[in-house]
């Protein structure tokens, strides 16, 4: 289809004026593909009208995406409530075993789980109790902290979050590496917890417990 020079010149003038294709097609009745051919070599610097339009579109898009996200989160939460109701002993046993495969100690014959999330450590303690009959007094915890951490505040935090008495905390380990990235500073305000099981005279809760867990993992894998 042939277009008059006037239409093309008008489109070029609008583009040079900083208008978007969407705006120009409202003034110049041609297809966007045609505009693309005409304006491909025309420098484009958005004017205030175009910038405002883009901003409004971005805000509208952001609000829409937020609504979609909120709906998706609510849907997932409702489904989770239906899927995860009451955990049986076997459920907890397998859940804890999966946790140990990812976060548990595999060497040294020490039954230990390491994590920076108190919810995970609390789950580990619960697993020890349900799967093996471990008592709270058998749980020991050592914190791995950094020079910018306050040790006493960290102990207070973990004791309150997990329910482990302060007297069962071992001496904290402080990371004094000089090559630690500055970008990591402050990312773990309460350090990382290493929670372990002490046999306290029960042979099944000492070295054997670690060997049993390793045997379980071998069977699973």
C-alpha atoms as a PDB file:
ATOM      1  CA  UNK A   1       0.000   0.000   0.000  1.00  0.00           C
ATOM      2  CA  UNK A   2       1.396   3.408  -0.986  1.00  0.00           C
ATOM      3  CA  UNK A   3       1.488   6.236   1.541  1.00  0.00           C
ATOM      4  CA  UNK A   4       1.786   9.938   0.780  1.00  0.00           C
ATOM      5  CA  UNK A   5       5.022  11.728   1.695  1.00  0.00           C
ATOM      6  CA  UNK A   6       3.020  13.895   4.071  1.00  0.00           C
ATOM      7  CA  UNK A   7       2.010  10.911   6.242  1.00  0.00           C
ATOM      8  CA  UNK A   8       5.562   9.588   6.347  1.00  0.00           C
ATOM      9  CA  UNK A   9       6.981  13.031   7.141  1.00  0.00           C
ATOM     10  CA  UNK A  10       4.459  13.440   9.935  1.00  0.00           C
ATOM     11  CA  UNK A  11       5.485  10.098  11.427  1.00  0.00           C
ATOM     12  CA  UNK A  12       9.166  11.024  11.225  1.00  0.00           C
ATOM     13  CA  UNK A  13       8.501  14.409  12.845  1.00  0.00           C
ATOM     14  CA  UNK A  14       6.616  12.788  15.724  1.00  0.00           C
ATOM     15  CA  UNK A  15       9.381  10.242  16.244  1.00  0.00           C
ATOM     16  CA  UNK A  16      12.029  12.955  16.287  1.00  0.00           C
ATOM     17  CA  UNK A  17       9.830  14.712  18.824  1.00  0.00           C
ATOM     18  CA  UNK A  18      10.221  11.748  21.176  1.00  0.00           C
ATOM     19  CA  UNK A  19       6.899   9.963  20.744  1.00  0.00           C
ATOM     20  CA  UNK A  20       6.482   6.196  20.912  1.00  0.00           C
ATOM     21  CA  UNK A  21       5.170   3.960  18.122  1.00  0.00           C
ATOM     22  CA  UNK A  22       1.964   3.428  20.116  1.00  0.00           C
ATOM     23  CA  UNK A  23       1.332   7.158  20.206  1.00  0.00           C
ATOM     24  CA  UNK A  24       2.297   7.752  16.559  1.00  0.00           C
ATOM     25  CA  UNK A  25      -0.091   5.092  15.158  1.00  0.00           C
ATOM     26  CA  UNK A  26      -2.956   6.967  16.820  1.00  0.00           C
ATOM     27  CA  UNK A  27      -2.031  10.057  14.773  1.00  0.00           C
ATOM     28  CA  UNK A  28      -0.708   8.367  11.644  1.00  0.00           C
ATOM     29  CA  UNK A  29      -2.994   5.488  10.543  1.00  0.00           C
ATOM     30  CA  UNK A  30      -0.369   2.958   9.464  1.00  0.00           C
ATOM     31  CA  UNK A  31       0.771  -0.426  10.734  1.00  0.00           C
ATOM     32  CA  UNK A  32       3.569  -0.592  13.320  1.00  0.00           C
ATOM     33  CA  UNK A  33       5.583  -2.694  10.887  1.00  0.00           C
ATOM     34  CA  UNK A  34       5.434   0.196   8.404  1.00  0.00           C
ATOM     35  CA  UNK A  35       6.488   2.658  11.086  1.00  0.00           C
ATOM     36  CA  UNK A  36       9.401   0.389  11.904  1.00  0.00           C
ATOM     37  CA  UNK A  37      10.591   0.584   8.292  1.00  0.00           C
ATOM     38  CA  UNK A  38      10.184   4.362   8.163  1.00  0.00           C
ATOM     39  CA  UNK A  39      11.693   5.178  11.533  1.00  0.00           C
ATOM     40  CA  UNK A  40      14.422   2.570  11.954  1.00  0.00           C
ATOM     41  CA  UNK A  41      17.202   5.131  11.461  1.00  0.00           C
ATOM     42  CA  UNK A  42      15.544   7.970  13.389  1.00  0.00           C
ATOM     43  CA  UNK A  43      17.224   8.730  16.760  1.00  0.00           C
ATOM     44  CA  UNK A  44      14.765   8.283  19.622  1.00  0.00           C
ATOM     45  CA  UNK A  45      14.882  10.303  22.834  1.00  0.00           C
ATOM     46  CA  UNK A  46      11.604   9.938  24.810  1.00  0.00           C
ATOM     47  CA  UNK A  47       9.853  13.211  25.584  1.00  0.00           C
ATOM     48  CA  UNK A  48       8.001  13.963  28.845  1.00  0.00           C
ATOM     49  CA  UNK A  49       4.723  12.611  27.490  1.00  0.00           C
ATOM     50  CA  UNK A  50       6.355   9.312  26.521  1.00  0.00           C
ATOM     51  CA  UNK A  51       8.202   9.043  29.832  1.00  0.00           C
ATOM     52  CA  UNK A  52       4.979   9.606  31.779  1.00  0.00           C
ATOM     53  CA  UNK A  53       3.195   7.013  29.652  1.00  0.00           C
ATOM     54  CA  UNK A  54       5.999   4.491  30.218  1.00  0.00           C
ATOM     55  CA  UNK A  55       5.931   5.171  33.966  1.00  0.00           C
ATOM     56  CA  UNK A  56       2.169   4.673  34.139  1.00  0.00           C
ATOM     57  CA  UNK A  57       2.465   1.444  32.170  1.00  0.00           C
ATOM     58  CA  UNK A  58       5.219   0.193  34.470  1.00  0.00           C
ATOM     59  CA  UNK A  59       3.199   1.056  37.569  1.00  0.00           C
ATOM     60  CA  UNK A  60       0.119  -0.669  36.151  1.00  0.00           C
ATOM     61  CA  UNK A  61       2.205  -3.694  35.200  1.00  0.00           C
ATOM     62  CA  UNK A  62       3.832  -3.778  38.646  1.00  0.00           C
ATOM     63  CA  UNK A  63       0.446  -3.614  40.398  1.00  0.00           C
ATOM     64  CA  UNK A  64      -0.911  -6.371  38.185  1.00  0.00           C
ATOM     65  CA  UNK A  65       2.113  -8.595  38.803  1.00  0.00           C
ATOM     66  CA  UNK A  66       1.788  -7.955  42.549  1.00  0.00           C
ATOM     67  CA  UNK A  67      -1.849  -9.072  42.487  1.00  0.00           C
ATOM     68  CA  UNK A  68      -0.893 -12.219  40.576  1.00  0.00           C
ATOM     69  CA  UNK A  69       1.852 -12.937  43.120  1.00  0.00           C
ATOM     70  CA  UNK A  70      -0.469 -12.433  46.102  1.00  0.00           C
ATOM     71  CA  UNK A  71      -3.101 -14.737  44.577  1.00  0.00           C
ATOM     72  CA  UNK A  72      -0.455 -17.370  43.828  1.00  0.00           C
ATOM     73  CA  UNK A  73       0.901 -17.209  47.394  1.00  0.00           C
ATOM     74  CA  UNK A  74      -2.600 -17.584  48.861  1.00  0.00           C
ATOM     75  CA  UNK A  75      -3.326 -20.520  46.572  1.00  0.00           C
ATOM     76  CA  UNK A  76      -0.051 -22.210  47.542  1.00  0.00           C
ATOM     77  CA  UNK A  77      -0.740 -21.629  51.245  1.00  0.00           C
ATOM     78  CA  UNK A  78      -4.221 -23.176  51.003  1.00  0.00           C
ATOM     79  CA  UNK A  79      -2.876 -26.173  49.098  1.00  0.00           C
ATOM     80  CA  UNK A  80      -0.099 -26.617  51.663  1.00  0.00           C
ATOM     81  CA  UNK A  81      -2.687 -26.658  54.463  1.00  0.00           C
ATOM     82  CA  UNK A  82      -4.524 -29.448  52.654  1.00  0.00           C
ATOM     83  CA  UNK A  83      -1.381 -31.406  51.780  1.00  0.00           C
ATOM     84  CA  UNK A  84       0.469 -31.108  55.094  1.00  0.00           C
ATOM     85  CA  UNK A  85      -1.959 -31.955  57.876  1.00  0.00           C
ATOM     86  CA  UNK A  86      -0.675 -34.290  60.589  1.00  0.00           C
ATOM     87  CA  UNK A  87       2.855 -35.677  60.301  1.00  0.00           C
ATOM     88  CA  UNK A  88       3.181 -39.296  61.434  1.00  0.00           C
ATOM     89  CA  UNK A  89       6.323 -40.656  63.087  1.00  0.00           C
ATOM     90  CA  UNK A  90       7.395 -42.130  59.749  1.00  0.00           C
ATOM     91  CA  UNK A  91       6.770 -38.793  58.027  1.00  0.00           C
ATOM     92  CA  UNK A  92       9.013 -37.086  60.578  1.00  0.00           C
ATOM     93  CA  UNK A  93      11.633 -39.807  60.310  1.00  0.00           C
ATOM     94  CA  UNK A  94      11.928 -39.453  56.546  1.00  0.00           C
ATOM     95  CA  UNK A  95      11.699 -35.650  56.691  1.00  0.00           C
ATOM     96  CA  UNK A  96      14.548 -35.536  59.202  1.00  0.00           C
ATOM     97  CA  UNK A  97      16.581 -37.998  57.171  1.00  0.00           C
ATOM     98  CA  UNK A  98      16.236 -35.752  54.134  1.00  0.00           C
ATOM     99  CA  UNK A  99      17.341 -32.822  56.289  1.00  0.00           C
ATOM    100  CA  UNK A 100      20.363 -34.783  57.469  1.00  0.00           C
ATOM    101  CA  UNK A 101      21.339 -35.752  53.909  1.00  0.00           C
ATOM    102  CA  UNK A 102      21.554 -32.054  53.075  1.00  0.00           C
ATOM    103  CA  UNK A 103      22.706 -30.441  56.327  1.00  0.00           C
ATOM    104  CA  UNK A 104      24.050 -33.235  58.539  1.00  0.00           C
ATOM    105  CA  UNK A 105      27.604 -34.184  59.479  1.00  0.00           C
ATOM    106  CA  UNK A 106      28.865 -37.205  57.525  1.00  0.00           C
ATOM    107  CA  UNK A 107      32.269 -37.691  59.154  1.00  0.00           C
ATOM    108  CA  UNK A 108      33.750 -38.031  62.633  1.00  0.00           C
ATOM    109  CA  UNK A 109      30.966 -40.272  63.959  1.00  0.00           C
ATOM    110  CA  UNK A 110      29.261 -37.173  65.373  1.00  0.00           C
ATOM    111  CA  UNK A 111      25.528 -36.733  64.836  1.00  0.00           C
ATOM    112  CA  UNK A 112      25.292 -33.059  63.924  1.00  0.00           C
ATOM    113  CA  UNK A 113      23.069 -30.768  61.842  1.00  0.00           C
ATOM    114  CA  UNK A 114      24.201 -27.300  60.782  1.00  0.00           C
ATOM    115  CA  UNK A 115      22.020 -24.378  59.706  1.00  0.00           C
ATOM    116  CA  UNK A 116      21.519 -20.641  60.117  1.00  0.00           C
ATOM    117  CA  UNK A 117      17.700 -20.895  60.299  1.00  0.00           C
ATOM    118  CA  UNK A 118      16.391 -21.564  63.838  1.00  0.00           C
ATOM    119  CA  UNK A 119      13.280 -23.226  62.363  1.00  0.00           C
ATOM    120  CA  UNK A 120      15.490 -25.843  60.740  1.00  0.00           C
ATOM    121  CA  UNK A 121      17.466 -26.419  63.929  1.00  0.00           C
ATOM    122  CA  UNK A 122      14.206 -26.701  65.884  1.00  0.00           C
ATOM    123  CA  UNK A 123      13.002 -29.285  63.370  1.00  0.00           C
ATOM    124  CA  UNK A 124      16.271 -31.188  63.795  1.00  0.00           C
ATOM    125  CA  UNK A 125      15.830 -31.315  67.575  1.00  0.00           C
ATOM    126  CA  UNK A 126      12.258 -32.506  67.103  1.00  0.00           C
ATOM    127  CA  UNK A 127      13.473 -35.203  64.699  1.00  0.00           C
ATOM    128  CA  UNK A 128      16.082 -36.425  67.177  1.00  0.00           C
ATOM    129  CA  UNK A 129      13.367 -36.753  69.819  1.00  0.00           C
ATOM    130  CA  UNK A 130      10.699 -38.451  67.666  1.00  0.00           C
ATOM    131  CA  UNK A 131      12.922 -40.762  65.616  1.00  0.00           C
ATOM    132  CA  UNK A 132      15.461 -41.753  68.288  1.00  0.00           C
ATOM    133  CA  UNK A 133      14.052 -40.789  71.681  1.00  0.00           C
ATOM    134  CA  UNK A 134      16.774 -38.177  72.272  1.00  0.00           C
ATOM    135  CA  UNK A 135      16.132 -36.017  75.349  1.00  0.00           C
ATOM    136  CA  UNK A 136      16.727 -32.258  75.426  1.00  0.00           C
ATOM    137  CA  UNK A 137      19.575 -32.676  77.926  1.00  0.00           C
ATOM    138  CA  UNK A 138      21.437 -34.684  75.278  1.00  0.00           C
ATOM    139  CA  UNK A 139      21.379 -31.806  72.795  1.00  0.00           C
ATOM    140  CA  UNK A 140      24.502 -29.679  72.551  1.00  0.00           C
ATOM    141  CA  UNK A 141      24.909 -26.588  70.394  1.00  0.00           C
ATOM    142  CA  UNK A 142      27.936 -24.673  69.181  1.00  0.00           C
ATOM    143  CA  UNK A 143      27.658 -21.360  67.357  1.00  0.00           C
ATOM    144  CA  UNK A 144      29.844 -20.410  64.426  1.00  0.00           C
ATOM    145  CA  UNK A 145      29.982 -16.614  64.492  1.00  0.00           C
ATOM    146  CA  UNK A 146      31.918 -13.699  63.022  1.00  0.00           C
ATOM    147  CA  UNK A 147      33.818 -10.820  64.673  1.00  0.00           C
ATOM    148  CA  UNK A 148      30.889  -8.470  64.007  1.00  0.00           C
ATOM    149  CA  UNK A 149      28.505 -10.764  65.942  1.00  0.00           C
ATOM    150  CA  UNK A 150      27.765 -10.262  69.640  1.00  0.00           C
ATOM    151  CA  UNK A 151      28.272 -13.735  71.129  1.00  0.00           C
ATOM    152  CA  UNK A 152      25.969 -13.284  74.130  1.00  0.00           C
ATOM    153  CA  UNK A 153      23.168 -11.914  71.963  1.00  0.00           C
ATOM    154  CA  UNK A 154      23.620 -14.835  69.575  1.00  0.00           C
ATOM    155  CA  UNK A 155      23.404 -17.373  72.404  1.00  0.00           C
ATOM    156  CA  UNK A 156      20.313 -15.612  73.765  1.00  0.00           C
ATOM    157  CA  UNK A 157      18.701 -15.652  70.325  1.00  0.00           C
ATOM    158  CA  UNK A 158      19.336 -19.341  69.641  1.00  0.00           C
ATOM    159  CA  UNK A 159      18.382 -20.419  73.154  1.00  0.00           C
ATOM    160  CA  UNK A 160      15.041 -18.612  72.935  1.00  0.00           C
ATOM    161  CA  UNK A 161      14.358 -19.651  69.329  1.00  0.00           C
ATOM    162  CA  UNK A 162      15.111 -23.352  69.679  1.00  0.00           C
ATOM    163  CA  UNK A 163      14.464 -23.914  73.386  1.00  0.00           C
ATOM    164  CA  UNK A 164      17.943 -25.202  74.245  1.00  0.00           C
ATOM    165  CA  UNK A 165      19.177 -24.120  77.720  1.00  0.00           C
ATOM    166  CA  UNK A 166      22.208 -21.809  77.672  1.00  0.00           C
ATOM    167  CA  UNK A 167      24.191 -24.255  79.803  1.00  0.00           C
ATOM    168  CA  UNK A 168      24.145 -26.672  76.844  1.00  0.00           C
ATOM    169  CA  UNK A 169      25.979 -24.239  74.555  1.00  0.00           C
ATOM    170  CA  UNK A 170      29.613 -25.073  73.843  1.00  0.00           C
ATOM    171  CA  UNK A 171      32.280 -22.417  73.323  1.00  0.00           C
ATOM    172  CA  UNK A 172      31.506 -20.505  70.128  1.00  0.00           C
ATOM    173  CA  UNK A 173      33.805 -20.643  67.115  1.00  0.00           C
ATOM    174  CA  UNK A 174      34.752 -17.238  65.675  1.00  0.00           C
ATOM    175  CA  UNK A 175      35.641 -16.940  61.993  1.00  0.00           C
ATOM    176  CA  UNK A 176      38.768 -14.783  61.936  1.00  0.00           C
ATOM    177  CA  UNK A 177      39.567 -15.212  58.254  1.00  0.00           C
ATOM    178  CA  UNK A 178      40.938 -11.979  56.833  1.00  0.00           C
ATOM    179  CA  UNK A 179      39.802 -12.778  53.292  1.00  0.00           C
ATOM    180  CA  UNK A 180      36.095 -12.817  54.235  1.00  0.00           C
ATOM    181  CA  UNK A 181      34.099 -10.784  51.721  1.00  0.00           C
ATOM    182  CA  UNK A 182      32.874  -7.441  53.048  1.00  0.00           C
ATOM    183  CA  UNK A 183      29.621  -8.052  51.174  1.00  0.00           C
ATOM    184  CA  UNK A 184      28.895 -10.914  53.594  1.00  0.00           C
ATOM    185  CA  UNK A 185      29.164  -8.667  56.651  1.00  0.00           C
ATOM    186  CA  UNK A 186      25.932  -8.591  58.635  1.00  0.00           C
ATOM    187  CA  UNK A 187      24.243 -11.306  56.568  1.00  0.00           C
ATOM    188  CA  UNK A 188      24.244 -13.752  59.499  1.00  0.00           C
ATOM    189  CA  UNK A 189      23.568 -11.524  62.540  1.00  0.00           C
ATOM    190  CA  UNK A 190      23.240 -14.552  64.834  1.00  0.00           C
ATOM    191  CA  UNK A 191      25.759 -16.853  63.199  1.00  0.00           C
ATOM    192  CA  UNK A 192      25.265 -20.503  62.293  1.00  0.00           C
ATOM    193  CA  UNK A 193      24.193 -23.217  64.749  1.00  0.00           C
ATOM    194  CA  UNK A 194      25.836 -26.640  64.923  1.00  0.00           C
ATOM    195  CA  UNK A 195      23.437 -28.813  66.927  1.00  0.00           C
ATOM    196  CA  UNK A 196      24.700 -32.244  67.996  1.00  0.00           C
ATOM    197  CA  UNK A 197      23.621 -35.273  70.012  1.00  0.00           C
ATOM    198  CA  UNK A 198      25.524 -36.419  73.105  1.00  0.00           C
ATOM    199  CA  UNK A 199      25.192 -40.043  74.161  1.00  0.00           C
ATOM    200  CA  UNK A 200      25.565 -39.338  77.903  1.00  0.00           C
ATOM    201  CA  UNK A 201      26.112 -43.041  78.573  1.00  0.00           C
ATOM    202  CA  UNK A 202      23.498 -44.353  76.127  1.00  0.00           C
ATOM    203  CA  UNK A 203      25.394 -46.476  73.586  1.00  0.00           C
ATOM    204  CA  UNK A 204      22.570 -46.214  71.063  1.00  0.00           C
ATOM    205  CA  UNK A 205      22.864 -42.431  71.098  1.00  0.00           C
ATOM    206  CA  UNK A 206      26.617 -42.200  70.659  1.00  0.00           C
ATOM    207  CA  UNK A 207      28.718 -43.418  67.734  1.00  0.00           C
ATOM    208  CA  UNK A 208      26.082 -46.001  66.869  1.00  0.00           C
ATOM    209  CA  UNK A 209      23.464 -43.310  66.235  1.00  0.00           C
ATOM    210  CA  UNK A 210      25.678 -41.703  63.597  1.00  0.00           C
ATOM    211  CA  UNK A 211      26.356 -45.097  62.012  1.00  0.00           C
ATOM    212  CA  UNK A 212      22.624 -45.864  61.952  1.00  0.00           C
ATOM    213  CA  UNK A 213      21.818 -42.577  60.232  1.00  0.00           C
ATOM    214  CA  UNK A 214      24.580 -43.192  57.682  1.00  0.00           C
ATOM    215  CA  UNK A 215      23.128 -46.670  57.053  1.00  0.00           C
ATOM    216  CA  UNK A 216      19.674 -45.149  56.536  1.00  0.00           C
ATOM    217  CA  UNK A 217      21.101 -42.648  54.084  1.00  0.00           C
ATOM    218  CA  UNK A 218      22.869 -45.421  52.204  1.00  0.00           C
ATOM    219  CA  UNK A 219      19.585 -47.327  51.889  1.00  0.00           C
ATOM    220  CA  UNK A 220      17.746 -44.252  50.681  1.00  0.00           C
ATOM    221  CA  UNK A 221      20.375 -43.235  48.137  1.00  0.00           C
END
